[in-house]
PDB file of N, CA and C in Angstrom:
ATOM      1  N   MET A   1      96.579  76.181  92.526  1.00  0.00           N
ATOM      2  CA  MET A   1      97.676  76.632  93.348  1.00  0.00           C
ATOM      3  C   MET A   1      98.563  75.430  93.668  1.00  0.00           C
ATOM      4  N   THR A   2      99.870  75.569  93.533  1.00  0.00           N
ATOM      5  CA  THR A   2     100.761  74.447  93.785  1.00  0.00           C
ATOM      6  C   THR A   2     101.019  74.298  95.273  1.00  0.00           C
ATOM      7  N   GLU A   3     101.537  73.108  95.654  1.00  0.00           N
ATOM      8  CA  GLU A   3     101.836  72.858  97.059  1.00  0.00           C
ATOM      9  C   GLU A   3     102.871  73.836  97.593  1.00  0.00           C
ATOM     10  N   GLN A   4     103.830  74.223  96.758  1.00  0.00           N
ATOM     11  CA  GLN A   4     104.876  75.151  97.186  1.00  0.00           C
ATOM     12  C   GLN A   4     104.259  76.463  97.675  1.00  0.00           C
ATOM     13  N   HIS A   5     103.230  76.941  97.017  1.00  0.00           N
ATOM     14  CA  HIS A   5     102.589  78.188  97.412  1.00  0.00           C
ATOM     15  C   HIS A   5     101.759  78.012  98.680  1.00  0.00           C
ATOM     16  N   GLN A   6     101.359  76.777  98.992  1.00  0.00           N
ATOM     17  CA  GLN A   6     100.542  76.527 100.171  1.00  0.00           C
ATOM     18  C   GLN A   6     101.388  76.316 101.421  1.00  0.00           C
ATOM     19  N   ASP A   7     102.692  76.033 101.263  1.00  0.00           N
ATOM     20  CA  ASP A   7     103.565  75.799 102.405  1.00  0.00           C
ATOM     21  C   ASP A   7     103.728  77.067 103.218  1.00  0.00           C
ATOM     22  N   HIS A   8     103.613  76.893 104.512  1.00  0.00           N
ATOM     23  CA  HIS A   8     103.832  78.007 105.415  1.00  0.00           C
ATOM     24  C   HIS A   8     105.186  77.832 106.080  1.00  0.00           C
ATOM     25  N   LEU A   9     105.937  78.901 106.115  1.00  0.00           N
ATOM     26  CA  LEU A   9     107.240  78.908 106.756  1.00  0.00           C
ATOM     27  C   LEU A   9     107.158  79.684 108.052  1.00  0.00           C
ATOM     28  N   GLN A  10     108.081  79.400 108.950  1.00  0.00           N
ATOM     29  CA  GLN A  10     108.252  80.203 110.153  1.00  0.00           C
ATOM     30  C   GLN A  10     109.667  80.755 110.104  1.00  0.00           C
ATOM     31  N   GLU A  11     109.788  82.062 110.269  1.00  0.00           N
ATOM     32  CA  GLU A  11     111.100  82.688 110.246  1.00  0.00           C
ATOM     33  C   GLU A  11     111.195  83.751 111.328  1.00  0.00           C
ATOM     34  N   ARG A  12     112.414  83.920 111.829  1.00  0.00           N
ATOM     35  CA  ARG A  12     112.707  85.029 112.734  1.00  0.00           C
ATOM     36  C   ARG A  12     113.312  86.133 111.877  1.00  0.00           C
ATOM     37  N   ILE A  13     112.739  87.305 111.953  1.00  0.00           N
ATOM     38  CA  ILE A  13     113.251  88.468 111.235  1.00  0.00           C
ATOM     39  C   ILE A  13     113.849  89.414 112.269  1.00  0.00           C
ATOM     40  N   THR A  14     115.125  89.738 112.083  1.00  0.00           N
ATOM     41  CA  THR A  14     115.815  90.676 112.958  1.00  0.00           C
ATOM     42  C   THR A  14     116.086  91.936 112.152  1.00  0.00           C
ATOM     43  N   ILE A  15     115.558  93.050 112.626  1.00  0.00           N
ATOM     44  CA  ILE A  15     115.706  94.339 111.947  1.00  0.00           C
ATOM     45  C   ILE A  15     116.687  95.174 112.760  1.00  0.00           C
ATOM     46  N   LEU A  16     117.730  95.662 112.099  1.00  0.00           N
ATOM     47  CA  LEU A  16     118.761  96.453 112.761  1.00  0.00           C
ATOM     48  C   LEU A  16     118.813  97.845 112.152  1.00  0.00           C
ATOM     49  N   GLY A  17     119.062  98.849 112.980  1.00  0.00           N
ATOM     50  CA  GLY A  17     119.186 100.209 112.471  1.00  0.00           C
ATOM     51  C   GLY A  17     118.853 101.224 113.545  1.00  0.00           C
ATOM     52  N   ASP A  18     118.502 102.411 113.103  1.00  0.00           N
ATOM     53  CA  ASP A  18     118.054 103.483 113.996  1.00  0.00           C
ATOM     54  C   ASP A  18     116.530 103.412 113.996  1.00  0.00           C
ATOM     55  N   LEU A  19     116.003 102.694 114.971  1.00  0.00           N
ATOM     56  CA  LEU A  19     114.587 102.330 114.958  1.00  0.00           C
ATOM     57  C   LEU A  19     113.836 103.037 116.075  1.00  0.00           C
ATOM     58  N   ASP A  20     112.728 103.626 115.744  1.00  0.00           N
ATOM     59  CA  ASP A  20     111.823 104.191 116.738  1.00  0.00           C
ATOM     60  C   ASP A  20     110.763 103.125 116.990  1.00  0.00           C
ATOM     61  N   ALA A  21     111.039 102.253 117.973  1.00  0.00           N
ATOM     62  CA  ALA A  21     110.163 101.103 118.207  1.00  0.00           C
ATOM     63  C   ALA A  21     108.726 101.515 118.483  1.00  0.00           C
ATOM     64  N   ALA A  22     108.524 102.662 119.120  1.00  0.00           N
ATOM     65  CA  ALA A  22     107.170 103.093 119.466  1.00  0.00           C
ATOM     66  C   ALA A  22     106.298 103.273 118.219  1.00  0.00           C
ATOM     67  N   SER A  23     106.868 103.726 117.125  1.00  0.00           N
ATOM     68  CA  SER A  23     106.068 103.880 115.904  1.00  0.00           C
ATOM     69  C   SER A  23     106.226 102.693 114.959  1.00  0.00           C
ATOM     70  N   PHE A  24     107.382 102.035 114.996  1.00  0.00           N
ATOM     71  CA  PHE A  24     107.657 100.959 114.043  1.00  0.00           C
ATOM     72  C   PHE A  24     106.900  99.681 114.397  1.00  0.00           C
ATOM     73  N   ILE A  25     106.752  99.377 115.688  1.00  0.00           N
ATOM     74  CA  ILE A  25     106.052  98.153 116.092  1.00  0.00           C
ATOM     75  C   ILE A  25     104.612  98.131 115.559  1.00  0.00           C
ATOM     76  N   PRO A  26     103.806  99.178 115.786  1.00  0.00           N
ATOM     77  CA  PRO A  26     102.448  99.158 115.216  1.00  0.00           C
ATOM     78  C   PRO A  26     102.461  99.076 113.687  1.00  0.00           C
ATOM     79  N   TRP A  27     103.440  99.713 113.059  1.00  0.00           N
ATOM     80  CA  TRP A  27     103.568  99.675 111.603  1.00  0.00           C
ATOM     81  C   TRP A  27     103.819  98.240 111.150  1.00  0.00           C
ATOM     82  N   ILE A  28     104.735  97.537 111.829  1.00  0.00           N
ATOM     83  CA  ILE A  28     105.041  96.140 111.498  1.00  0.00           C
ATOM     84  C   ILE A  28     103.791  95.278 111.662  1.00  0.00           C
ATOM     85  N   GLN A  29     103.073  95.473 112.750  1.00  0.00           N
ATOM     86  CA  GLN A  29     101.870  94.680 113.001  1.00  0.00           C
ATOM     87  C   GLN A  29     100.813  94.901 111.923  1.00  0.00           C
ATOM     88  N   ARG A  30     100.607  96.145 111.515  1.00  0.00           N
ATOM     89  CA  ARG A  30      99.631  96.441 110.449  1.00  0.00           C
ATOM     90  C   ARG A  30     100.074  95.831 109.123  1.00  0.00           C
ATOM     91  N   HIS A  31     101.359  95.952 108.808  1.00  0.00           N
ATOM     92  CA  HIS A  31     101.881  95.426 107.546  1.00  0.00           C
ATOM     93  C   HIS A  31     101.728  93.906 107.495  1.00  0.00           C
ATOM     94  N   ALA A  32     102.056  93.216 108.589  1.00  0.00           N
ATOM     95  CA  ALA A  32     101.898  91.756 108.647  1.00  0.00           C
ATOM     96  C   ALA A  32     100.432  91.368 108.477  1.00  0.00           C
ATOM     97  N   ALA A  33      99.537  92.110 109.125  1.00  0.00           N
ATOM     98  CA  ALA A  33      98.107  91.813 109.024  1.00  0.00           C
ATOM     99  C   ALA A  33      97.614  91.994 107.587  1.00  0.00           C
ATOM    100  N   LYS A  34      98.077  93.042 106.918  1.00  0.00           N
ATOM    101  CA  LYS A  34      97.681  93.267 105.526  1.00  0.00           C
ATOM    102  C   LYS A  34      98.129  92.125 104.627  1.00  0.00           C
ATOM    103  N   LEU A  35      99.291  91.542 104.951  1.00  0.00           N
ATOM    104  CA  LEU A  35      99.817  90.435 104.157  1.00  0.00           C
ATOM    105  C   LEU A  35      99.230  89.082 104.576  1.00  0.00           C
ATOM    106  N   GLY A  36      98.503  89.057 105.674  1.00  0.00           N
ATOM    107  CA  GLY A  36      97.922  87.817 106.153  1.00  0.00           C
ATOM    108  C   GLY A  36      98.925  86.922 106.866  1.00  0.00           C
ATOM    109  N   LEU A  37      99.989  87.512 107.409  1.00  0.00           N
ATOM    110  CA  LEU A  37     101.011  86.755 108.127  1.00  0.00           C
ATOM    111  C   LEU A  37     100.718  86.752 109.616  1.00  0.00           C
ATOM    112  N   SER A  38     101.020  85.634 110.267  1.00  0.00           N
ATOM    113  CA  SER A  38     101.013  85.593 111.727  1.00  0.00           C
ATOM    114  C   SER A  38     102.341  86.173 112.172  1.00  0.00           C
ATOM    115  N   GLN A  39     102.325  86.981 113.231  1.00  0.00           N
ATOM    116  CA  GLN A  39     103.571  87.572 113.706  1.00  0.00           C
ATOM    117  C   GLN A  39     103.543  87.727 115.215  1.00  0.00           C
ATOM    118  N   ALA A  40     104.731  87.694 115.799  1.00  0.00           N
ATOM    119  CA  ALA A  40     104.892  87.935 117.228  1.00  0.00           C
ATOM    120  C   ALA A  40     106.213  88.668 117.427  1.00  0.00           C
ATOM    121  N   ILE A  41     106.156  89.811 118.069  1.00  0.00           N
ATOM    122  CA  ILE A  41     107.351  90.587 118.382  1.00  0.00           C
ATOM    123  C   ILE A  41     107.993  89.969 119.615  1.00  0.00           C
ATOM    124  N   SER A  42     109.289  89.632 119.533  1.00  0.00           N
ATOM    125  CA  SER A  42     109.946  89.001 120.673  1.00  0.00           C
ATOM    126  C   SER A  42     110.964  89.903 121.361  1.00  0.00           C
ATOM    127  N   ARG A  43     111.466  90.928 120.673  1.00  0.00           N
ATOM    128  CA  ARG A  43     112.443  91.834 121.281  1.00  0.00           C
ATOM    129  C   ARG A  43     112.382  93.179 120.587  1.00  0.00           C
ATOM    130  N   THR A  44     112.455  94.240 121.386  1.00  0.00           N
ATOM    131  CA  THR A  44     112.498  95.585 120.810  1.00  0.00           C
ATOM    132  C   THR A  44     113.514  96.437 121.561  1.00  0.00           C
ATOM    133  N   SER A  45     114.207  97.281 120.831  1.00  0.00           N
ATOM    134  CA  SER A  45     115.090  98.284 121.410  1.00  0.00           C
ATOM    135  C   SER A  45     115.248  99.388 120.368  1.00  0.00           C
ATOM    136  N   ALA A  46     116.022 100.392 120.696  1.00  0.00           N
ATOM    137  CA  ALA A  46     116.203 101.525 119.785  1.00  0.00           C
ATOM    138  C   ALA A  46     116.962 101.139 118.523  1.00  0.00           C
ATOM    139  N   ASP A  47     117.702 100.009 118.568  1.00  0.00           N
ATOM    140  CA  ASP A  47     118.489  99.619 117.399  1.00  0.00           C
ATOM    141  C   ASP A  47     118.227  98.199 116.899  1.00  0.00           C
ATOM    142  N   ARG A  48     117.253  97.513 117.513  1.00  0.00           N
ATOM    143  CA  ARG A  48     116.990  96.122 117.109  1.00  0.00           C
ATOM    144  C   ARG A  48     115.540  95.748 117.411  1.00  0.00           C
ATOM    145  N   ILE A  49     114.902  95.110 116.437  1.00  0.00           N
ATOM    146  CA  ILE A  49     113.569  94.531 116.625  1.00  0.00           C
ATOM    147  C   ILE A  49     113.629  93.111 116.101  1.00  0.00           C
ATOM    148  N   GLU A  50     113.147  92.172 116.902  1.00  0.00           N
ATOM    149  CA  GLU A  50     113.075  90.782 116.473  1.00  0.00           C
ATOM    150  C   GLU A  50     111.616  90.357 116.468  1.00  0.00           C
ATOM    151  N   LEU A  51     111.214  89.701 115.398  1.00  0.00           N
ATOM    152  CA  LEU A  51     109.870  89.177 115.320  1.00  0.00           C
ATOM    153  C   LEU A  51     109.877  87.834 114.639  1.00  0.00           C
ATOM    154  N   GLU A  52     108.883  87.058 114.956  1.00  0.00           N
ATOM    155  CA  GLU A  52     108.700  85.768 114.312  1.00  0.00           C
ATOM    156  C   GLU A  52     107.458  85.870 113.442  1.00  0.00           C
ATOM    157  N   VAL A  53     107.602  85.432 112.205  1.00  0.00           N
ATOM    158  CA  VAL A  53     106.485  85.485 111.263  1.00  0.00           C
ATOM    159  C   VAL A  53     106.225  84.089 110.720  1.00  0.00           C
ATOM    160  N   GLU A  54     104.984  83.875 110.326  1.00  0.00           N
ATOM    161  CA  GLU A  54     104.595  82.600 109.729  1.00  0.00           C
ATOM    162  C   GLU A  54     103.666  82.880 108.569  1.00  0.00           C
ATOM    163  N   GLY A  55     103.942  82.208 107.446  1.00  0.00           N
ATOM    164  CA  GLY A  55     103.105  82.350 106.272  1.00  0.00           C
ATOM    165  C   GLY A  55     103.849  81.876 105.036  1.00  0.00           C
ATOM    166  N   PRO A  56     103.258  82.075 103.867  1.00  0.00           N
ATOM    167  CA  PRO A  56     103.901  81.686 102.612  1.00  0.00           C
ATOM    168  C   PRO A  56     105.210  82.462 102.399  1.00  0.00           C
ATOM    169  N   ALA A  57     106.199  81.788 101.813  1.00  0.00           N
ATOM    170  CA  ALA A  57     107.519  82.376 101.598  1.00  0.00           C
ATOM    171  C   ALA A  57     107.436  83.710 100.847  1.00  0.00           C
ATOM    172  N   GLU A  58     106.576  83.780  99.847  1.00  0.00           N
ATOM    173  CA  GLU A  58     106.473  84.999  99.043  1.00  0.00           C
ATOM    174  C   GLU A  58     105.986  86.181  99.891  1.00  0.00           C
ATOM    175  N   LEU A  59     105.090  85.903 100.825  1.00  0.00           N
ATOM    176  CA  LEU A  59     104.572  86.979 101.672  1.00  0.00           C
ATOM    177  C   LEU A  59     105.590  87.390 102.725  1.00  0.00           C
ATOM    178  N   ILE A  60     106.386  86.439 103.198  1.00  0.00           N
ATOM    179  CA  ILE A  60     107.471  86.797 104.122  1.00  0.00           C
ATOM    180  C   ILE A  60     108.499  87.657 103.391  1.00  0.00           C
ATOM    181  N   ASP A  61     108.766  87.343 102.123  1.00  0.00           N
ATOM    182  CA  ASP A  61     109.648  88.186 101.307  1.00  0.00           C
ATOM    183  C   ASP A  61     109.093  89.610 101.213  1.00  0.00           C
ATOM    184  N   MET A  62     107.780  89.717 101.010  1.00  0.00           N
ATOM    185  CA  MET A  62     107.146  91.038 100.921  1.00  0.00           C
ATOM    186  C   MET A  62     107.236  91.773 102.264  1.00  0.00           C
ATOM    187  N   MET A  63     107.123  91.034 103.358  1.00  0.00           N
ATOM    188  CA  MET A  63     107.248  91.626 104.689  1.00  0.00           C
ATOM    189  C   MET A  63     108.647  92.199 104.867  1.00  0.00           C
ATOM    190  N   GLU A  64     109.657  91.440 104.462  1.00  0.00           N
ATOM    191  CA  GLU A  64     111.039  91.925 104.562  1.00  0.00           C
ATOM    192  C   GLU A  64     111.229  93.204 103.743  1.00  0.00           C
ATOM    193  N   MET A  65     110.717  93.211 102.532  1.00  0.00           N
ATOM    194  CA  MET A  65     110.853  94.390 101.679  1.00  0.00           C
ATOM    195  C   MET A  65     110.159  95.599 102.301  1.00  0.00           C
ATOM    196  N   GLY A  66     108.951  95.392 102.811  1.00  0.00           N
ATOM    197  CA  GLY A  66     108.226  96.482 103.453  1.00  0.00           C
ATOM    198  C   GLY A  66     108.980  97.037 104.645  1.00  0.00           C
ATOM    199  N   CYS A  67     109.528  96.138 105.473  1.00  0.00           N
ATOM    200  CA  CYS A  67     110.277  96.587 106.654  1.00  0.00           C
ATOM    201  C   CYS A  67     111.555  97.322 106.264  1.00  0.00           C
ATOM    202  N   SER A  68     112.183  96.897 105.172  1.00  0.00           N
ATOM    203  CA  SER A  68     113.416  97.573 104.751  1.00  0.00           C
ATOM    204  C   SER A  68     113.128  99.008 104.316  1.00  0.00           C
ATOM    205  N   LEU A  69     111.953  99.239 103.768  1.00  0.00           N
ATOM    206  CA  LEU A  69     111.560 100.599 103.377  1.00  0.00           C
ATOM    207  C   LEU A  69     110.964 101.356 104.558  1.00  0.00           C
ATOM    208  N   GLY A  70     110.200 100.636 105.373  1.00  0.00           N
ATOM    209  CA  GLY A  70     109.658 101.140 106.630  1.00  0.00           C
ATOM    210  C   GLY A  70     109.025 102.514 106.595  1.00  0.00           C
ATOM    211  N   PRO A  71     108.540 102.953 107.742  1.00  0.00           N
ATOM    212  CA  PRO A  71     108.014 104.315 107.833  1.00  0.00           C
ATOM    213  C   PRO A  71     109.161 105.331 107.820  1.00  0.00           C
ATOM    214  N   ILE A  72     108.838 106.583 107.592  1.00  0.00           N
ATOM    215  CA  ILE A  72     109.853 107.612 107.391  1.00  0.00           C
ATOM    216  C   ILE A  72     110.692 107.902 108.638  1.00  0.00           C
ATOM    217  N   ASP A  73     110.185 107.577 109.828  1.00  0.00           N
ATOM    218  CA  ASP A  73     110.919 107.923 111.056  1.00  0.00           C
ATOM    219  C   ASP A  73     111.870 106.827 111.536  1.00  0.00           C
ATOM    220  N   VAL A  74     112.144 105.814 110.706  1.00  0.00           N
ATOM    221  CA  VAL A  74     113.127 104.787 111.060  1.00  0.00           C
ATOM    222  C   VAL A  74     114.172 104.682 109.950  1.00  0.00           C
ATOM    223  N   TRP A  75     115.350 104.194 110.328  1.00  0.00           N
ATOM    224  CA  TRP A  75     116.404 103.944 109.341  1.00  0.00           C
ATOM    225  C   TRP A  75     116.847 102.494 109.510  1.00  0.00           C
ATOM    226  N   VAL A  76     116.432 101.638 108.572  1.00  0.00           N
ATOM    227  CA  VAL A  76     116.770 100.218 108.627  1.00  0.00           C
ATOM    228  C   VAL A  76     118.111 100.021 107.928  1.00  0.00           C
ATOM    229  N   GLU A  77     119.087  99.498 108.678  1.00  0.00           N
ATOM    230  CA  GLU A  77     120.414  99.243 108.118  1.00  0.00           C
ATOM    231  C   GLU A  77     120.545  97.826 107.582  1.00  0.00           C
ATOM    232  N   ALA A  78     119.918  96.868 108.257  1.00  0.00           N
ATOM    233  CA  ALA A  78     120.029  95.471 107.835  1.00  0.00           C
ATOM    234  C   ALA A  78     118.831  94.679 108.343  1.00  0.00           C
ATOM    235  N   ILE A  79     118.508  93.632 107.599  1.00  0.00           N
ATOM    236  CA  ILE A  79     117.473  92.681 108.019  1.00  0.00           C
ATOM    237  C   ILE A  79     118.065  91.293 107.876  1.00  0.00           C
ATOM    238  N   GLU A  80     117.972  90.527 108.966  1.00  0.00           N
ATOM    239  CA  GLU A  80     118.455  89.150 108.951  1.00  0.00           C
ATOM    240  C   GLU A  80     117.254  88.224 109.104  1.00  0.00           C
ATOM    241  N   ARG A  81     117.240  87.154 108.319  1.00  0.00           N
ATOM    242  CA  ARG A  81     116.151  86.164 108.409  1.00  0.00           C
ATOM    243  C   ARG A  81     116.730  84.809 108.762  1.00  0.00           C
ATOM    244  N   THR A  82     116.074  84.133 109.720  1.00  0.00           N
ATOM    245  CA  THR A  82     116.515  82.823 110.161  1.00  0.00           C
ATOM    246  C   THR A  82     115.309  81.888 110.201  1.00  0.00           C
ATOM    247  N   PRO A  83     115.386  80.749 109.515  1.00  0.00           N
ATOM    248  CA  PRO A  83     114.288  79.782 109.587  1.00  0.00           C
ATOM    249  C   PRO A  83     114.124  79.258 111.020  1.00  0.00           C
ATOM    250  N   ILE A  84     112.885  78.952 111.381  1.00  0.00           N
ATOM    251  CA  ILE A  84     112.566  78.412 112.701  1.00  0.00           C
ATOM    252  C   ILE A  84     111.930  77.042 112.502  1.00  0.00           C
ATOM    253  N   GLY A  85     112.256  76.114 113.365  1.00  0.00           N
ATOM    254  CA  GLY A  85     111.575  74.822 113.379  1.00  0.00           C
ATOM    255  C   GLY A  85     111.989  73.895 112.258  1.00  0.00           C
ATOM    256  N   SER A  86     111.020  73.134 111.756  1.00  0.00           N
ATOM    257  CA  SER A  86     111.278  72.050 110.814  1.00  0.00           C
ATOM    258  C   SER A  86     111.762  72.522 109.456  1.00  0.00           C
ATOM    259  N   ASN A  87     111.550  73.820 109.102  1.00  0.00           N
ATOM    260  CA  ASN A  87     112.021  74.284 107.797  1.00  0.00           C
ATOM    261  C   ASN A  87     113.441  74.781 107.862  1.00  0.00           C
ATOM    262  N   ALA A  88     114.095  74.738 109.035  1.00  0.00           N
ATOM    263  CA  ALA A  88     115.491  75.141 109.161  1.00  0.00           C
ATOM    264  C   ALA A  88     116.373  74.031 108.589  1.00  0.00           C
ATOM    265  N   SER A  89     117.132  74.363 107.552  1.00  0.00           N
ATOM    266  CA  SER A  89     118.015  73.341 106.973  1.00  0.00           C
ATOM    267  C   SER A  89     119.378  73.891 106.696  1.00  0.00           C
TER     268      SER A  89
END
């Protein structure tokens, strides 16, 4: 395994849309756990969820893709990703 695959990134993921936070939050937590990502939800509302994730870049990419498809009771319009900490350049 190369060093690039071993690097862990920290990113803030902001999900925007018509979101049912009551069902989407547990879904996000399960999806992150399946991918082996550390995550913390920092903000939730009917149209915005912000979370911080940590893990390999490829798995964060998979997390973004999963959230964009999401469960059937949410409509994700956009996902924004922002690096956190030392990997922000």
